Amino acid sequence: MPTYSFMLNGEQVQVDAPGDLSVLWALRDKLGVTGPKYGCGINVCKACTSHLDGKAFNPCVTNVRDVAGREVTTIEGLAKGDALHPVQEAWLEQDVAQCGFCQPGQIMAAVALLRRTPNPTDADIDAIENVCRCGSYFRIRQAIKAAAAKMAEPTVVAVQDPAAVSEGGGSSLAATGLGVDVAALGAAALGAAALVTRALDTADVAPAEG
């Protein structure tokens, strides 16, 4: 039996299987990854939606030989450690899930949409073909819009006021992780070096005798 190797949620995996085995069954039965759900097996309900090389695909109609050497991401690989993806956060905040069966596929479809269309219209969102048996399409739309807004927010790095740092005791600087005492010593050293450099630049130095 042939062996197929591919990246799954950031890790290299191997599957011993016929080449025409669907990726969905390779994931669920061979690798124990059960986030992608079986609903129809013919690419209609899209409950199995995952990502192949960063784009949405449906494992139920994709052969395992067709993902060899490529990167597959399922709902299990979306979060970064304990930090949820903004779409997952929005799903919780908007109480999207009811039975929850289709939600892994819905979330993965939403993430793929936001990657190609950061500010989607209602028409863009409604073009997602994933079926929700509970009919929570309105909340799905709201969650995608909330996630889009969240992802559009600029990343701000907090920088403390130097005066506050000097009075702040043992806290750390957000940008560096250094303790205040260490940072203060470093600042003093830099200041002293600057003064020395300035003095050397302005000093009247006699030329060396030959």
C-alpha atoms as a PDB file:
ATOM      1  CA  MET A   1       0.000   0.000   0.000  1.00  0.00           C
ATOM      2  CA  PRO A   2       1.443   3.422  -0.893  1.00  0.00           C
ATOM      3  CA  THR A   3       2.403   5.988   1.717  1.00  0.00           C
ATOM      4  CA  TYR A   4       1.477   9.648   1.327  1.00  0.00           C
ATOM      5  CA  SER A   5       3.188  12.414   3.278  1.00  0.00           C
ATOM      6  CA  PHE A   6       1.874  15.931   3.838  1.00  0.00           C
ATOM      7  CA  MET A   7       1.804  18.730   6.402  1.00  0.00           C
ATOM      8  CA  LEU A   8      -1.181  18.623   8.738  1.00  0.00           C
ATOM      9  CA  ASN A   9      -1.718  21.553  11.078  1.00  0.00           C
ATOM     10  CA  GLY A  10       1.984  22.348  11.025  1.00  0.00           C
ATOM     11  CA  GLU A  11       3.265  18.801  11.468  1.00  0.00           C
ATOM     12  CA  GLN A  12       4.517  16.284   8.942  1.00  0.00           C
ATOM     13  CA  VAL A  13       2.284  13.201   8.769  1.00  0.00           C
ATOM     14  CA  GLN A  14       2.220  10.017   6.739  1.00  0.00           C
ATOM     15  CA  VAL A  15      -0.758   7.934   5.693  1.00  0.00           C
ATOM     16  CA  ASP A  16      -0.668   4.389   4.378  1.00  0.00           C
ATOM     17  CA  ALA A  17      -3.721   4.261   2.149  1.00  0.00           C
ATOM     18  CA  PRO A  18      -4.958   3.749  -1.401  1.00  0.00           C
ATOM     19  CA  GLY A  19      -4.394   6.878  -3.461  1.00  0.00           C
ATOM     20  CA  ASP A  20      -8.113   7.323  -4.076  1.00  0.00           C
ATOM     21  CA  LEU A  21      -9.033   7.329  -0.381  1.00  0.00           C
ATOM     22  CA  SER A  22     -10.702  10.643   0.387  1.00  0.00           C
ATOM     23  CA  VAL A  23      -8.716  13.058   2.532  1.00  0.00           C
ATOM     24  CA  LEU A  24     -11.684  13.224   4.907  1.00  0.00           C
ATOM     25  CA  TRP A  25     -11.421   9.537   5.792  1.00  0.00           C
ATOM     26  CA  ALA A  26      -7.633   9.757   5.940  1.00  0.00           C
ATOM     27  CA  LEU A  27      -8.001  12.561   8.461  1.00  0.00           C
ATOM     28  CA  ARG A  28     -10.738  10.990  10.545  1.00  0.00           C
ATOM     29  CA  ASP A  29      -9.962   7.276  10.383  1.00  0.00           C
ATOM     30  CA  LYS A  30      -6.204   7.217   9.870  1.00  0.00           C
ATOM     31  CA  LEU A  31      -5.042  10.311  11.738  1.00  0.00           C
ATOM     32  CA  GLY A  32      -7.773  10.819  14.343  1.00  0.00           C
ATOM     33  CA  VAL A  33      -8.528  14.397  13.263  1.00  0.00           C
ATOM     34  CA  THR A  34     -12.286  14.701  13.661  1.00  0.00           C
ATOM     35  CA  GLY A  35     -12.917  18.441  13.272  1.00  0.00           C
ATOM     36  CA  PRO A  36     -13.900  18.112   9.606  1.00  0.00           C
ATOM     37  CA  LYS A  37     -17.337  16.478   9.602  1.00  0.00           C
ATOM     38  CA  TYR A  38     -18.889  14.026   7.167  1.00  0.00           C
ATOM     39  CA  GLY A  39     -22.223  15.284   5.931  1.00  0.00           C
ATOM     40  CA  CYS A  40     -22.775  14.354   2.311  1.00  0.00           C
ATOM     41  CA  GLY A  41     -19.576  13.033   0.773  1.00  0.00           C
ATOM     42  CA  ILE A  42     -20.301  14.823  -2.529  1.00  0.00           C
ATOM     43  CA  ASN A  43     -19.189  18.420  -1.850  1.00  0.00           C
ATOM     44  CA  VAL A  44     -22.683  19.771  -1.223  1.00  0.00           C
ATOM     45  CA  CYS A  45     -23.052  20.444   2.517  1.00  0.00           C
ATOM     46  CA  LYS A  46     -19.363  21.390   2.955  1.00  0.00           C
ATOM     47  CA  ALA A  47     -19.306  20.414   6.635  1.00  0.00           C
ATOM     48  CA  CYS A  48     -15.782  19.107   6.057  1.00  0.00           C
ATOM     49  CA  THR A  49     -14.359  22.410   4.771  1.00  0.00           C
ATOM     50  CA  SER A  50     -10.677  22.750   5.604  1.00  0.00           C
ATOM     51  CA  HIS A  51      -7.727  24.515   3.966  1.00  0.00           C
ATOM     52  CA  LEU A  52      -5.283  23.204   1.388  1.00  0.00           C
ATOM     53  CA  ASP A  53      -2.252  25.466   0.997  1.00  0.00           C
ATOM     54  CA  GLY A  54      -4.252  28.223   2.676  1.00  0.00           C
ATOM     55  CA  LYS A  55      -7.367  27.982   0.513  1.00  0.00           C
ATOM     56  CA  ALA A  56     -10.707  26.362   1.311  1.00  0.00           C
ATOM     57  CA  PHE A  57     -11.195  22.841   0.009  1.00  0.00           C
ATOM     58  CA  ASN A  58     -13.450  19.908   0.742  1.00  0.00           C
ATOM     59  CA  PRO A  59     -11.650  16.770   1.911  1.00  0.00           C
ATOM     60  CA  CYS A  60     -14.646  14.533   1.186  1.00  0.00           C
ATOM     61  CA  VAL A  61     -14.074  14.827  -2.587  1.00  0.00           C
ATOM     62  CA  THR A  62     -10.277  15.156  -2.584  1.00  0.00           C
ATOM     63  CA  ASN A  63      -8.064  12.091  -2.916  1.00  0.00           C
ATOM     64  CA  VAL A  64      -5.230  11.653  -0.473  1.00  0.00           C
ATOM     65  CA  ARG A  65      -2.731  11.352  -3.325  1.00  0.00           C
ATOM     66  CA  ASP A  66      -3.668  14.899  -4.357  1.00  0.00           C
ATOM     67  CA  VAL A  67      -2.461  16.423  -1.061  1.00  0.00           C
ATOM     68  CA  ALA A  68       0.935  14.702  -0.996  1.00  0.00           C
ATOM     69  CA  GLY A  69       3.650  17.247  -0.275  1.00  0.00           C
ATOM     70  CA  ARG A  70       1.119  19.972   0.455  1.00  0.00           C
ATOM     71  CA  GLU A  71      -0.242  21.679   3.567  1.00  0.00           C
ATOM     72  CA  VAL A  72      -3.610  20.758   5.054  1.00  0.00           C
ATOM     73  CA  THR A  73      -5.146  22.811   7.857  1.00  0.00           C
ATOM     74  CA  THR A  74      -8.249  21.749   9.745  1.00  0.00           C
ATOM     75  CA  ILE A  75     -10.143  23.540  12.488  1.00  0.00           C
ATOM     76  CA  GLU A  76      -7.724  21.948  14.965  1.00  0.00           C
ATOM     77  CA  GLY A  77      -4.838  23.923  13.479  1.00  0.00           C
ATOM     78  CA  LEU A  78      -6.496  27.329  13.303  1.00  0.00           C
ATOM     79  CA  ALA A  79      -5.701  28.633  16.782  1.00  0.00           C
ATOM     80  CA  LYS A  80      -2.155  29.540  17.802  1.00  0.00           C
ATOM     81  CA  GLY A  81      -1.708  27.632  21.026  1.00  0.00           C
ATOM     82  CA  ASP A  82      -4.239  29.026  23.492  1.00  0.00           C
ATOM     83  CA  ALA A  83      -4.902  32.092  21.330  1.00  0.00           C
ATOM     84  CA  LEU A  84      -8.020  31.647  19.235  1.00  0.00           C
ATOM     85  CA  HIS A  85      -8.237  32.947  15.696  1.00  0.00           C
ATOM     86  CA  PRO A  86     -10.314  36.179  15.487  1.00  0.00           C
ATOM     87  CA  VAL A  87     -13.020  34.261  13.605  1.00  0.00           C
ATOM     88  CA  GLN A  88     -13.248  31.708  16.411  1.00  0.00           C
ATOM     89  CA  GLU A  89     -13.472  34.533  18.941  1.00  0.00           C
ATOM     90  CA  ALA A  90     -16.243  36.190  16.935  1.00  0.00           C
ATOM     91  CA  TRP A  91     -18.128  32.891  16.737  1.00  0.00           C
ATOM     92  CA  LEU A  92     -18.170  32.691  20.518  1.00  0.00           C
ATOM     93  CA  GLU A  93     -19.024  36.355  21.008  1.00  0.00           C
ATOM     94  CA  GLN A  94     -21.961  36.145  18.588  1.00  0.00           C
ATOM     95  CA  ASP A  95     -23.230  32.784  19.955  1.00  0.00           C
ATOM     96  CA  VAL A  96     -23.283  31.359  16.439  1.00  0.00           C
ATOM     97  CA  ALA A  97     -23.315  27.644  17.155  1.00  0.00           C
ATOM     98  CA  GLN A  98     -26.488  25.726  17.899  1.00  0.00           C
ATOM     99  CA  CYS A  99     -25.980  22.013  17.294  1.00  0.00           C
ATOM    100  CA  GLY A 100     -22.410  22.853  16.253  1.00  0.00           C
ATOM    101  CA  PHE A 101     -22.042  20.061  13.697  1.00  0.00           C
ATOM    102  CA  CYS A 102     -21.322  22.292  10.715  1.00  0.00           C
ATOM    103  CA  GLN A 103     -19.429  24.994  12.578  1.00  0.00           C
ATOM    104  CA  PRO A 104     -15.842  23.778  11.956  1.00  0.00           C
ATOM    105  CA  GLY A 105     -16.514  23.951   8.230  1.00  0.00           C
ATOM    106  CA  GLN A 106     -18.325  27.280   8.562  1.00  0.00           C
ATOM    107  CA  ILE A 107     -15.397  28.802  10.444  1.00  0.00           C
ATOM    108  CA  MET A 108     -12.825  27.521   7.970  1.00  0.00           C
ATOM    109  CA  ALA A 109     -14.889  28.882   5.074  1.00  0.00           C
ATOM    110  CA  ALA A 110     -15.128  32.252   6.847  1.00  0.00           C
ATOM    111  CA  VAL A 111     -11.371  32.403   7.424  1.00  0.00           C
ATOM    112  CA  ALA A 112     -10.735  31.645   3.748  1.00  0.00           C
ATOM    113  CA  LEU A 113     -13.183  34.389   2.744  1.00  0.00           C
ATOM    114  CA  LEU A 114     -11.503  36.979   4.965  1.00  0.00           C
ATOM    115  CA  ARG A 115      -8.090  36.094   3.575  1.00  0.00           C
ATOM    116  CA  ARG A 116      -9.165  36.968   0.057  1.00  0.00           C
ATOM    117  CA  THR A 117     -11.750  39.635   0.970  1.00  0.00           C
ATOM    118  CA  PRO A 118     -10.806  41.455   4.196  1.00  0.00           C
ATOM    119  CA  ASN A 119     -13.943  43.627   4.160  1.00  0.00           C
ATOM    120  CA  PRO A 120     -16.697  41.386   2.779  1.00  0.00           C
ATOM    121  CA  THR A 121     -20.148  42.594   1.811  1.00  0.00           C
ATOM    122  CA  ASP A 122     -23.346  40.759   2.684  1.00  0.00           C
ATOM    123  CA  ALA A 123     -23.289  39.327  -0.831  1.00  0.00           C
ATOM    124  CA  ASP A 124     -19.734  38.038  -0.317  1.00  0.00           C
ATOM    125  CA  ILE A 125     -20.747  36.335   2.913  1.00  0.00           C
ATOM    126  CA  ASP A 126     -23.982  34.947   1.506  1.00  0.00           C
ATOM    127  CA  ALA A 127     -21.993  33.398  -1.342  1.00  0.00           C
ATOM    128  CA  ILE A 128     -20.496  30.904   1.150  1.00  0.00           C
ATOM    129  CA  GLU A 129     -22.141  27.601   0.266  1.00  0.00           C
ATOM    130  CA  ASN A 130     -21.727  25.822   3.605  1.00  0.00           C
ATOM    131  CA  VAL A 131     -25.047  24.453   4.828  1.00  0.00           C
ATOM    132  CA  CYS A 132     -26.236  25.198   8.369  1.00  0.00           C
ATOM    133  CA  ARG A 133     -28.951  22.773   9.372  1.00  0.00           C
ATOM    134  CA  CYS A 134     -29.940  25.012  12.290  1.00  0.00           C
ATOM    135  CA  GLY A 135     -30.328  28.045  10.020  1.00  0.00           C
ATOM    136  CA  SER A 136     -28.018  30.367  11.982  1.00  0.00           C
ATOM    137  CA  TYR A 137     -26.995  32.245   8.846  1.00  0.00           C
ATOM    138  CA  PHE A 138     -27.772  35.670  10.307  1.00  0.00           C
ATOM    139  CA  ARG A 139     -25.405  35.094  13.235  1.00  0.00           C
ATOM    140  CA  ILE A 140     -22.775  33.662  10.902  1.00  0.00           C
ATOM    141  CA  ARG A 141     -22.957  36.881   8.896  1.00  0.00           C
ATOM    142  CA  GLN A 142     -22.650  39.004  12.041  1.00  0.00           C
ATOM    143  CA  ALA A 143     -19.705  36.945  13.291  1.00  0.00           C
ATOM    144  CA  ILE A 144     -17.840  37.289   9.995  1.00  0.00           C
ATOM    145  CA  LYS A 145     -18.352  41.058  10.036  1.00  0.00           C
ATOM    146  CA  ALA A 146     -17.175  41.227  13.652  1.00  0.00           C
ATOM    147  CA  ALA A 147     -14.108  39.157  12.820  1.00  0.00           C
ATOM    148  CA  ALA A 148     -13.340  41.377   9.820  1.00  0.00           C
ATOM    149  CA  ALA A 149     -13.448  44.448  12.059  1.00  0.00           C
ATOM    150  CA  LYS A 150     -11.279  42.743  14.658  1.00  0.00           C
ATOM    151  CA  MET A 151      -8.689  41.720  12.061  1.00  0.00           C
ATOM    152  CA  ALA A 152      -8.613  45.246  10.610  1.00  0.00           C
ATOM    153  CA  GLU A 153      -7.628  46.802  13.937  1.00  0.00           C
ATOM    154  CA  PRO A 154      -4.005  48.036  13.916  1.00  0.00           C
ATOM    155  CA  THR A 155      -1.582  46.278  16.233  1.00  0.00           C
ATOM    156  CA  VAL A 156      -0.487  48.707  18.938  1.00  0.00           C
ATOM    157  CA  VAL A 157       2.684  48.144  20.951  1.00  0.00           C
ATOM    158  CA  ALA A 158       2.418  49.798  24.340  1.00  0.00           C
ATOM    159  CA  VAL A 159       5.355  52.055  25.258  1.00  0.00           C
ATOM    160  CA  GLN A 160       5.522  53.355  28.788  1.00  0.00           C
ATOM    161  CA  ASP A 161       6.229  56.959  29.699  1.00  0.00           C
ATOM    162  CA  PRO A 162       9.901  57.167  30.795  1.00  0.00           C
ATOM    163  CA  ALA A 163       8.853  59.239  33.806  1.00  0.00           C
ATOM    164  CA  ALA A 164       6.372  56.593  34.800  1.00  0.00           C
ATOM    165  CA  VAL A 165       9.018  53.928  34.298  1.00  0.00           C
ATOM    166  CA  SER A 166      11.398  55.678  36.666  1.00  0.00           C
ATOM    167  CA  GLU A 167       8.718  55.709  39.349  1.00  0.00           C
ATOM    168  CA  GLY A 168       7.124  52.396  38.547  1.00  0.00           C
ATOM    169  CA  GLY A 169       9.215  50.061  40.653  1.00  0.00           C
ATOM    170  CA  GLY A 170       9.733  46.561  39.331  1.00  0.00           C
ATOM    171  CA  SER A 171       7.355  46.447  36.353  1.00  0.00           C
ATOM    172  CA  SER A 172       8.648  45.476  32.890  1.00  0.00           C
ATOM    173  CA  LEU A 173       8.692  47.393  29.631  1.00  0.00           C
ATOM    174  CA  ALA A 174       6.102  45.995  27.235  1.00  0.00           C
ATOM    175  CA  ALA A 175       8.256  46.423  24.162  1.00  0.00           C
ATOM    176  CA  THR A 176      11.343  44.690  25.566  1.00  0.00           C
ATOM    177  CA  GLY A 177      10.351  42.590  28.545  1.00  0.00           C
ATOM    178  CA  LEU A 178      13.206  44.185  30.528  1.00  0.00           C
ATOM    179  CA  GLY A 179      12.782  45.046  34.169  1.00  0.00           C
ATOM    180  CA  VAL A 180      12.646  48.756  34.954  1.00  0.00           C
ATOM    181  CA  ASP A 181      15.950  48.710  36.827  1.00  0.00           C
ATOM    182  CA  VAL A 182      17.762  47.099  33.912  1.00  0.00           C
ATOM    183  CA  ALA A 183      16.149  49.480  31.452  1.00  0.00           C
ATOM    184  CA  ALA A 184      17.112  52.485  33.569  1.00  0.00           C
ATOM    185  CA  LEU A 185      20.741  51.374  33.709  1.00  0.00           C
ATOM    186  CA  GLY A 186      20.732  50.875  29.958  1.00  0.00           C
ATOM    187  CA  ALA A 187      19.273  54.326  29.387  1.00  0.00           C
ATOM    188  CA  ALA A 188      21.879  55.889  31.655  1.00  0.00           C
ATOM    189  CA  ALA A 189      24.686  54.106  29.813  1.00  0.00           C
ATOM    190  CA  LEU A 190      23.380  55.272  26.464  1.00  0.00           C
ATOM    191  CA  GLY A 191      23.137  58.835  27.763  1.00  0.00           C
ATOM    192  CA  ALA A 192      26.704  58.776  29.059  1.00  0.00           C
ATOM    193  CA  ALA A 193      27.972  57.362  25.766  1.00  0.00           C
ATOM    194  CA  ALA A 194      26.190  60.121  23.878  1.00  0.00           C
ATOM    195  CA  LEU A 195      27.816  62.794  26.047  1.00  0.00           C
ATOM    196  CA  VAL A 196      31.284  61.304  25.532  1.00  0.00           C
ATOM    197  CA  THR A 197      30.755  61.139  21.785  1.00  0.00           C
ATOM    198  CA  ARG A 198      29.599  64.753  21.693  1.00  0.00           C
ATOM    199  CA  ALA A 199      32.603  65.862  23.750  1.00  0.00           C
ATOM    200  CA  LEU A 200      35.015  64.091  21.415  1.00  0.00           C
ATOM    201  CA  ASP A 201      33.340  65.606  18.382  1.00  0.00           C
ATOM    202  CA  THR A 202      33.685  69.153  19.721  1.00  0.00           C
ATOM    203  CA  ALA A 203      37.092  68.895  21.427  1.00  0.00           C
ATOM    204  CA  ASP A 204      40.024  70.866  20.023  1.00  0.00           C
ATOM    205  CA  VAL A 205      42.485  68.022  19.569  1.00  0.00           C
ATOM    206  CA  ALA A 206      46.013  68.969  18.502  1.00  0.00           C
ATOM    207  CA  PRO A 207      47.384  66.964  15.588  1.00  0.00           C
ATOM    208  CA  ALA A 208      49.887  64.304  16.527  1.00  0.00           C
ATOM    209  CA  GLU A 209      53.516  65.230  15.925  1.00  0.00           C
ATOM    210  CA  GLY A 210      55.207  63.269  13.192  1.00  0.00           C
END
